[in-house]
Amino acid sequence: MDDIRALSAQLAQDPQSLVFLRLGEALRRKGQLEAALRVAMNGLERHPHLADAHDLYARILTDKHDYERAFDEWDMAVRIAPHHTGALKGLAHLPPLHLPPPHLPPRRRTAAGSMKRESSPDWKERTKGCCSLTAPGECSVER
């Protein structure tokens, strides 16, 4: 708990500091997921191109069983840093049935920080008649 207080004080003193990564991880390990989530999201707002920030956010989301958003964050981390070990491990350990169908449009972060699927003109046509995937390979939509 003293580590969390010390890290919180450091972050308060310098909000641009990367100490949010250590603080968020410490909170996550203590099971304080909501606090960890806030720290990670604030860190991502300040450092949107930092793969470690996306990795931290994804680990917290995984602990909250939000696998689709965790996938999106690890995917972003790998796009930023293709050999990011934490993101690659995270992607490898996600439950396969929770991955988003590959024919859905990509998700993007909105100004408010939430994720939203992009829409393309042909997206509805390509997915017309598609059932919800329950297992890999069950969708007949061409990709």
N, C-alpha and C. Protein backbone atom coordinates (compact mmCIF):
# COMPACT_ATOMS: atom_id res chain seq x y z
N MET A 1 0.83 -1.19 0.00
CA MET A 1 0.00 0.00 0.00
C MET A 1 0.87 1.25 0.00
N ASP A 2 2.02 1.18 0.67
CA ASP A 2 2.93 2.33 0.66
C ASP A 2 3.43 2.62 -0.74
N ASP A 3 3.66 1.56 -1.54
CA ASP A 3 4.09 1.75 -2.92
C ASP A 3 3.03 2.53 -3.70
N ILE A 4 1.78 2.17 -3.50
CA ILE A 4 0.69 2.84 -4.21
C ILE A 4 0.63 4.31 -3.82
N ARG A 5 0.79 4.60 -2.53
CA ARG A 5 0.79 6.00 -2.08
C ARG A 5 1.95 6.77 -2.69
N ALA A 6 3.12 6.17 -2.67
CA ALA A 6 4.32 6.84 -3.20
C ALA A 6 4.17 7.08 -4.71
N LEU A 7 3.69 6.07 -5.43
CA LEU A 7 3.50 6.21 -6.87
C LEU A 7 2.43 7.24 -7.18
N SER A 8 1.36 7.26 -6.39
CA SER A 8 0.29 8.25 -6.57
C SER A 8 0.83 9.66 -6.36
N ALA A 9 1.67 9.82 -5.34
CA ALA A 9 2.26 11.14 -5.07
C ALA A 9 3.17 11.57 -6.23
N GLN A 10 3.95 10.64 -6.76
CA GLN A 10 4.82 10.96 -7.90
C GLN A 10 3.99 11.38 -9.10
N LEU A 11 2.89 10.66 -9.36
CA LEU A 11 2.05 10.98 -10.51
C LEU A 11 1.35 12.33 -10.32
N ALA A 12 0.93 12.61 -9.09
CA ALA A 12 0.29 13.90 -8.81
C ALA A 12 1.27 15.05 -9.04
N GLN A 13 2.52 14.80 -8.69
CA GLN A 13 3.55 15.83 -8.85
C GLN A 13 3.88 16.07 -10.33
N ASP A 14 3.86 14.99 -11.13
CA ASP A 14 4.17 15.10 -12.56
C ASP A 14 3.20 14.24 -13.35
N PRO A 15 2.04 14.79 -13.72
CA PRO A 15 1.02 14.01 -14.44
C PRO A 15 1.48 13.44 -15.79
N GLN A 16 2.53 14.01 -16.38
CA GLN A 16 3.05 13.50 -17.65
C GLN A 16 4.00 12.31 -17.45
N SER A 17 4.32 12.00 -16.21
CA SER A 17 5.27 10.94 -15.90
C SER A 17 4.74 9.57 -16.33
N LEU A 18 5.67 8.70 -16.65
CA LEU A 18 5.30 7.32 -17.00
C LEU A 18 5.10 6.46 -15.76
N VAL A 19 5.15 7.05 -14.59
CA VAL A 19 4.93 6.30 -13.35
C VAL A 19 3.52 5.72 -13.31
N PHE A 20 2.61 6.24 -14.14
CA PHE A 20 1.25 5.69 -14.18
C PHE A 20 1.27 4.21 -14.54
N LEU A 21 2.27 3.78 -15.30
CA LEU A 21 2.37 2.35 -15.66
C LEU A 21 2.58 1.49 -14.41
N ARG A 22 3.49 1.92 -13.56
CA ARG A 22 3.76 1.16 -12.32
C ARG A 22 2.60 1.25 -11.35
N LEU A 23 1.99 2.43 -11.26
CA LEU A 23 0.84 2.62 -10.37
C LEU A 23 -0.34 1.77 -10.82
N GLY A 24 -0.66 1.83 -12.11
CA GLY A 24 -1.77 1.03 -12.63
C GLY A 24 -1.56 -0.46 -12.41
N GLU A 25 -0.35 -0.91 -12.63
CA GLU A 25 -0.04 -2.33 -12.41
C GLU A 25 -0.15 -2.71 -10.94
N ALA A 26 0.33 -1.84 -10.05
CA ALA A 26 0.24 -2.11 -8.61
C ALA A 26 -1.22 -2.19 -8.18
N LEU A 27 -2.04 -1.27 -8.66
CA LEU A 27 -3.47 -1.30 -8.34
C LEU A 27 -4.14 -2.55 -8.89
N ARG A 28 -3.78 -2.91 -10.11
CA ARG A 28 -4.35 -4.12 -10.74
C ARG A 28 -4.02 -5.35 -9.91
N ARG A 29 -2.77 -5.47 -9.51
CA ARG A 29 -2.35 -6.64 -8.72
C ARG A 29 -3.02 -6.69 -7.36
N LYS A 30 -3.39 -5.54 -6.81
CA LYS A 30 -4.10 -5.49 -5.52
C LYS A 30 -5.60 -5.72 -5.71
N GLY A 31 -6.05 -5.86 -6.96
CA GLY A 31 -7.46 -6.10 -7.22
C GLY A 31 -8.29 -4.84 -7.26
N GLN A 32 -7.66 -3.68 -7.26
CA GLN A 32 -8.37 -2.41 -7.31
C GLN A 32 -8.54 -2.01 -8.78
N LEU A 33 -9.39 -2.77 -9.46
CA LEU A 33 -9.50 -2.65 -10.92
C LEU A 33 -10.07 -1.32 -11.39
N GLU A 34 -11.03 -0.78 -10.67
CA GLU A 34 -11.61 0.51 -11.11
C GLU A 34 -10.58 1.62 -11.01
N ALA A 35 -9.82 1.63 -9.91
CA ALA A 35 -8.77 2.64 -9.76
C ALA A 35 -7.68 2.44 -10.82
N ALA A 36 -7.31 1.18 -11.05
CA ALA A 36 -6.30 0.87 -12.06
C ALA A 36 -6.78 1.32 -13.44
N LEU A 37 -8.06 1.10 -13.72
CA LEU A 37 -8.64 1.49 -15.00
C LEU A 37 -8.56 3.01 -15.20
N ARG A 38 -8.89 3.75 -14.16
CA ARG A 38 -8.82 5.22 -14.26
C ARG A 38 -7.39 5.68 -14.52
N VAL A 39 -6.43 5.09 -13.80
CA VAL A 39 -5.02 5.47 -13.98
C VAL A 39 -4.58 5.15 -15.40
N ALA A 40 -4.93 3.97 -15.90
CA ALA A 40 -4.53 3.56 -17.25
C ALA A 40 -5.17 4.46 -18.31
N MET A 41 -6.44 4.77 -18.15
CA MET A 41 -7.11 5.62 -19.13
C MET A 41 -6.54 7.03 -19.14
N ASN A 42 -6.25 7.57 -17.96
CA ASN A 42 -5.63 8.90 -17.90
C ASN A 42 -4.24 8.86 -18.54
N GLY A 43 -3.50 7.79 -18.30
CA GLY A 43 -2.19 7.64 -18.92
C GLY A 43 -2.28 7.54 -20.43
N LEU A 44 -3.28 6.82 -20.91
CA LEU A 44 -3.47 6.70 -22.36
C LEU A 44 -3.85 8.03 -23.00
N GLU A 45 -4.59 8.85 -22.29
CA GLU A 45 -4.93 10.17 -22.81
C GLU A 45 -3.67 11.01 -23.02
N ARG A 46 -2.71 10.86 -22.11
CA ARG A 46 -1.48 11.64 -22.20
C ARG A 46 -0.44 11.00 -23.13
N HIS A 47 -0.51 9.68 -23.26
CA HIS A 47 0.49 8.94 -24.03
C HIS A 47 -0.19 7.93 -24.96
N PRO A 48 -0.97 8.39 -25.95
CA PRO A 48 -1.74 7.47 -26.79
C PRO A 48 -0.89 6.59 -27.70
N HIS A 49 0.37 6.95 -27.91
CA HIS A 49 1.23 6.16 -28.80
C HIS A 49 2.24 5.32 -28.03
N LEU A 50 1.96 5.07 -26.76
CA LEU A 50 2.84 4.27 -25.91
C LEU A 50 2.28 2.85 -25.80
N ALA A 51 2.99 1.90 -26.40
CA ALA A 51 2.52 0.52 -26.41
C ALA A 51 2.33 -0.03 -25.00
N ASP A 52 3.20 0.32 -24.08
CA ASP A 52 3.07 -0.16 -22.69
C ASP A 52 1.77 0.31 -22.05
N ALA A 53 1.29 1.49 -22.42
CA ALA A 53 0.03 2.00 -21.87
C ALA A 53 -1.15 1.15 -22.37
N HIS A 54 -1.12 0.80 -23.65
CA HIS A 54 -2.18 -0.06 -24.20
C HIS A 54 -2.11 -1.45 -23.58
N ASP A 55 -0.90 -1.93 -23.33
CA ASP A 55 -0.72 -3.24 -22.70
C ASP A 55 -1.30 -3.24 -21.29
N LEU A 56 -1.00 -2.22 -20.51
CA LEU A 56 -1.55 -2.11 -19.15
C LEU A 56 -3.07 -2.09 -19.19
N TYR A 57 -3.63 -1.25 -20.05
CA TYR A 57 -5.08 -1.14 -20.15
C TYR A 57 -5.69 -2.49 -20.53
N ALA A 58 -5.06 -3.20 -21.45
CA ALA A 58 -5.57 -4.51 -21.87
C ALA A 58 -5.54 -5.52 -20.72
N ARG A 59 -4.48 -5.51 -19.92
CA ARG A 59 -4.40 -6.44 -18.78
C ARG A 59 -5.51 -6.17 -17.78
N ILE A 60 -5.79 -4.90 -17.54
CA ILE A 60 -6.88 -4.55 -16.62
C ILE A 60 -8.22 -5.00 -17.20
N LEU A 61 -8.43 -4.75 -18.49
CA LEU A 61 -9.67 -5.18 -19.14
C LEU A 61 -9.83 -6.70 -19.09
N THR A 62 -8.74 -7.42 -19.24
CA THR A 62 -8.79 -8.88 -19.14
C THR A 62 -9.22 -9.31 -17.74
N ASP A 63 -8.67 -8.66 -16.73
CA ASP A 63 -9.08 -8.97 -15.36
C ASP A 63 -10.56 -8.70 -15.15
N LYS A 64 -11.11 -7.76 -15.90
CA LYS A 64 -12.54 -7.44 -15.81
C LYS A 64 -13.36 -8.30 -16.78
N HIS A 65 -12.70 -9.25 -17.45
CA HIS A 65 -13.35 -10.16 -18.42
C HIS A 65 -13.91 -9.42 -19.63
N ASP A 66 -13.33 -8.30 -19.98
CA ASP A 66 -13.73 -7.54 -21.17
C ASP A 66 -12.74 -7.88 -22.28
N TYR A 67 -12.88 -9.09 -22.82
CA TYR A 67 -11.88 -9.64 -23.73
C TYR A 67 -11.83 -8.94 -25.09
N GLU A 68 -12.96 -8.48 -25.57
CA GLU A 68 -12.97 -7.82 -26.87
C GLU A 68 -12.19 -6.52 -26.83
N ARG A 69 -12.43 -5.72 -25.80
CA ARG A 69 -11.68 -4.46 -25.68
C ARG A 69 -10.21 -4.74 -25.37
N ALA A 70 -9.93 -5.79 -24.60
CA ALA A 70 -8.53 -6.15 -24.34
C ALA A 70 -7.83 -6.50 -25.64
N PHE A 71 -8.53 -7.26 -26.50
CA PHE A 71 -7.98 -7.60 -27.81
C PHE A 71 -7.64 -6.33 -28.58
N ASP A 72 -8.57 -5.38 -28.59
CA ASP A 72 -8.35 -4.13 -29.32
C ASP A 72 -7.12 -3.38 -28.80
N GLU A 73 -6.95 -3.35 -27.49
CA GLU A 73 -5.81 -2.63 -26.91
C GLU A 73 -4.50 -3.34 -27.21
N TRP A 74 -4.48 -4.66 -27.10
CA TRP A 74 -3.25 -5.39 -27.43
C TRP A 74 -2.95 -5.28 -28.92
N ASP A 75 -3.99 -5.29 -29.73
CA ASP A 75 -3.80 -5.10 -31.16
C ASP A 75 -3.15 -3.74 -31.43
N MET A 76 -3.60 -2.71 -30.75
CA MET A 76 -3.02 -1.38 -30.91
C MET A 76 -1.57 -1.37 -30.43
N ALA A 77 -1.29 -2.03 -29.32
CA ALA A 77 0.08 -2.08 -28.81
C ALA A 77 1.01 -2.72 -29.84
N VAL A 78 0.55 -3.79 -30.49
CA VAL A 78 1.37 -4.48 -31.49
C VAL A 78 1.52 -3.62 -32.74
N ARG A 79 0.51 -2.84 -33.06
CA ARG A 79 0.64 -1.94 -34.22
C ARG A 79 1.71 -0.87 -33.94
N ILE A 80 1.77 -0.41 -32.70
CA ILE A 80 2.75 0.60 -32.31
C ILE A 80 4.15 -0.03 -32.20
N ALA A 81 4.21 -1.19 -31.54
CA ALA A 81 5.49 -1.87 -31.31
C ALA A 81 5.30 -3.34 -31.67
N PRO A 82 5.58 -3.73 -32.91
CA PRO A 82 5.27 -5.08 -33.40
C PRO A 82 5.85 -6.24 -32.58
N HIS A 83 6.91 -6.00 -31.83
CA HIS A 83 7.50 -7.08 -31.04
C HIS A 83 7.25 -6.91 -29.55
N HIS A 84 6.19 -6.20 -29.18
CA HIS A 84 5.88 -5.95 -27.77
C HIS A 84 5.51 -7.29 -27.10
N THR A 85 6.40 -7.76 -26.25
CA THR A 85 6.25 -9.08 -25.64
C THR A 85 4.95 -9.20 -24.84
N GLY A 86 4.65 -8.20 -24.02
CA GLY A 86 3.44 -8.27 -23.20
C GLY A 86 2.17 -8.36 -24.03
N ALA A 87 2.11 -7.58 -25.09
CA ALA A 87 0.92 -7.60 -25.95
C ALA A 87 0.82 -8.92 -26.70
N LEU A 88 1.94 -9.42 -27.19
CA LEU A 88 1.90 -10.70 -27.90
C LEU A 88 1.49 -11.84 -26.98
N LYS A 89 1.98 -11.83 -25.75
CA LYS A 89 1.58 -12.85 -24.78
C LYS A 89 0.10 -12.71 -24.45
N GLY A 90 -0.34 -11.48 -24.26
CA GLY A 90 -1.75 -11.26 -23.95
C GLY A 90 -2.66 -11.77 -25.04
N LEU A 91 -2.33 -11.44 -26.28
CA LEU A 91 -3.13 -11.92 -27.41
C LEU A 91 -3.15 -13.44 -27.48
N ALA A 92 -2.01 -14.05 -27.18
CA ALA A 92 -1.92 -15.51 -27.23
C ALA A 92 -2.76 -16.19 -26.15
N HIS A 93 -3.00 -15.50 -25.05
CA HIS A 93 -3.73 -16.11 -23.94
C HIS A 93 -5.20 -15.72 -23.85
N LEU A 94 -5.66 -14.89 -24.77
CA LEU A 94 -7.08 -14.55 -24.77
C LEU A 94 -7.92 -15.76 -25.14
N PRO A 95 -9.07 -15.93 -24.52
CA PRO A 95 -9.96 -17.02 -24.92
C PRO A 95 -10.37 -16.83 -26.38
N PRO A 96 -10.19 -17.83 -27.23
CA PRO A 96 -10.45 -17.66 -28.66
C PRO A 96 -11.91 -17.34 -29.01
N LEU A 97 -12.85 -17.76 -28.23
CA LEU A 97 -14.25 -17.50 -28.56
C LEU A 97 -14.64 -16.06 -28.28
N HIS A 98 -13.78 -15.30 -27.65
CA HIS A 98 -14.11 -13.91 -27.34
C HIS A 98 -13.50 -12.92 -28.33
N LEU A 99 -12.79 -13.41 -29.33
CA LEU A 99 -12.21 -12.51 -30.30
C LEU A 99 -13.30 -11.99 -31.23
N PRO A 100 -13.21 -10.74 -31.64
CA PRO A 100 -14.25 -10.19 -32.53
C PRO A 100 -14.17 -10.85 -33.90
N PRO A 101 -15.31 -11.05 -34.55
CA PRO A 101 -15.30 -11.62 -35.90
C PRO A 101 -14.44 -10.76 -36.83
N PRO A 102 -13.61 -11.39 -37.64
CA PRO A 102 -12.68 -10.63 -38.47
C PRO A 102 -13.34 -9.78 -39.56
N HIS A 103 -14.61 -10.02 -39.88
CA HIS A 103 -15.24 -9.23 -40.94
C HIS A 103 -15.92 -7.97 -40.41
N LEU A 104 -15.92 -7.75 -39.08
CA LEU A 104 -16.51 -6.53 -38.55
C LEU A 104 -15.53 -5.38 -38.76
N PRO A 105 -16.05 -4.18 -38.92
CA PRO A 105 -15.15 -3.04 -39.11
C PRO A 105 -14.29 -2.83 -37.87
N PRO A 106 -13.11 -2.23 -38.03
CA PRO A 106 -12.22 -2.03 -36.88
C PRO A 106 -12.81 -1.05 -35.88
N ARG A 107 -12.36 -1.17 -34.64
CA ARG A 107 -12.83 -0.27 -33.60
C ARG A 107 -11.81 0.85 -33.41
N ARG A 108 -12.30 2.02 -33.10
CA ARG A 108 -11.44 3.18 -32.88
C ARG A 108 -11.87 3.89 -31.60
N ARG A 109 -10.92 4.49 -30.93
CA ARG A 109 -11.20 5.23 -29.71
C ARG A 109 -11.86 6.56 -30.07
N THR A 110 -12.97 6.86 -29.38
CA THR A 110 -13.64 8.14 -29.60
C THR A 110 -12.98 9.19 -28.72
N ALA A 111 -13.37 10.44 -28.89
CA ALA A 111 -12.79 11.53 -28.09
C ALA A 111 -13.02 11.30 -26.60
N ALA A 112 -14.12 10.65 -26.26
CA ALA A 112 -14.43 10.39 -24.85
C ALA A 112 -13.67 9.20 -24.30
N GLY A 113 -12.92 8.50 -25.15
CA GLY A 113 -12.13 7.37 -24.68
C GLY A 113 -12.79 6.02 -24.87
N SER A 114 -14.07 6.00 -25.23
CA SER A 114 -14.73 4.73 -25.44
C SER A 114 -14.42 4.21 -26.85
N MET A 115 -14.65 2.95 -27.05
CA MET A 115 -14.37 2.35 -28.35
C MET A 115 -15.66 2.31 -29.16
N LYS A 116 -15.53 2.53 -30.45
CA LYS A 116 -16.69 2.54 -31.34
C LYS A 116 -16.28 1.89 -32.66
N ARG A 117 -17.13 1.05 -33.18
CA ARG A 117 -16.85 0.43 -34.46
C ARG A 117 -16.99 1.47 -35.58
N GLU A 118 -16.03 1.46 -36.48
CA GLU A 118 -16.12 2.32 -37.65
C GLU A 118 -17.12 1.69 -38.60
N SER A 119 -17.78 2.49 -39.35
CA SER A 119 -18.67 1.92 -40.35
C SER A 119 -18.15 2.30 -41.73
N SER A 120 -18.28 1.37 -42.62
CA SER A 120 -17.90 1.63 -44.00
C SER A 120 -19.14 1.43 -44.84
N PRO A 121 -19.20 2.03 -46.03
CA PRO A 121 -20.41 1.94 -46.85
C PRO A 121 -20.86 0.52 -47.14
N ASP A 122 -19.91 -0.40 -47.32
CA ASP A 122 -20.30 -1.76 -47.68
C ASP A 122 -20.36 -2.71 -46.49
N TRP A 123 -20.13 -2.22 -45.28
CA TRP A 123 -20.08 -3.10 -44.12
C TRP A 123 -21.40 -3.85 -43.90
N LYS A 124 -22.51 -3.14 -43.94
CA LYS A 124 -23.80 -3.79 -43.70
C LYS A 124 -24.10 -4.82 -44.79
N GLU A 125 -23.73 -4.52 -46.01
CA GLU A 125 -23.97 -5.46 -47.11
C GLU A 125 -23.12 -6.72 -46.94
N ARG A 126 -21.85 -6.53 -46.56
CA ARG A 126 -20.96 -7.68 -46.40
C ARG A 126 -21.39 -8.59 -45.26
N THR A 127 -22.04 -8.04 -44.24
CA THR A 127 -22.41 -8.84 -43.08
C THR A 127 -23.89 -9.23 -43.08
N LYS A 128 -24.60 -8.87 -44.12
CA LYS A 128 -26.03 -9.18 -44.22
C LYS A 128 -26.23 -10.69 -44.12
N GLY A 129 -27.11 -11.08 -43.23
CA GLY A 129 -27.42 -12.49 -43.07
C GLY A 129 -26.40 -13.26 -42.24
N CYS A 130 -25.42 -12.56 -41.71
CA CYS A 130 -24.39 -13.24 -40.92
C CYS A 130 -24.93 -13.51 -39.52
N CYS A 131 -24.69 -14.69 -39.07
CA CYS A 131 -25.09 -15.02 -37.71
C CYS A 131 -23.99 -14.60 -36.74
N SER A 132 -24.32 -14.57 -35.49
CA SER A 132 -23.32 -14.27 -34.47
C SER A 132 -22.37 -15.47 -34.37
N LEU A 133 -21.09 -15.21 -34.39
CA LEU A 133 -20.12 -16.30 -34.32
C LEU A 133 -20.12 -16.94 -32.95
N THR A 134 -20.21 -18.25 -32.91
CA THR A 134 -20.09 -18.96 -31.65
C THR A 134 -18.83 -19.79 -31.63
N ALA A 135 -18.26 -20.02 -32.78
CA ALA A 135 -17.00 -20.74 -32.87
C ALA A 135 -16.31 -20.32 -34.16
N PRO A 136 -14.98 -20.38 -34.19
CA PRO A 136 -14.28 -19.98 -35.40
C PRO A 136 -14.75 -20.77 -36.62
N GLY A 137 -14.88 -20.10 -37.74
CA GLY A 137 -15.21 -20.76 -39.00
C GLY A 137 -16.69 -20.96 -39.27
N GLU A 138 -17.56 -20.49 -38.39
CA GLU A 138 -18.99 -20.71 -38.60
C GLU A 138 -19.66 -19.63 -39.45
N CYS A 139 -18.96 -18.59 -39.78
CA CYS A 139 -19.55 -17.50 -40.54
C CYS A 139 -19.27 -17.71 -42.03
N SER A 140 -20.29 -17.48 -42.84
CA SER A 140 -20.12 -17.69 -44.27
C SER A 140 -19.79 -16.41 -45.03
N VAL A 141 -19.70 -15.29 -44.33
CA VAL A 141 -19.41 -14.02 -44.99
C VAL A 141 -17.97 -14.03 -45.49
N GLU A 142 -17.81 -13.63 -46.78
CA GLU A 142 -16.47 -13.55 -47.34
C GLU A 142 -15.72 -12.39 -46.70
N ARG A 143 -14.44 -12.61 -46.47
CA ARG A 143 -13.63 -11.58 -45.83
C ARG A 143 -12.71 -10.97 -46.81
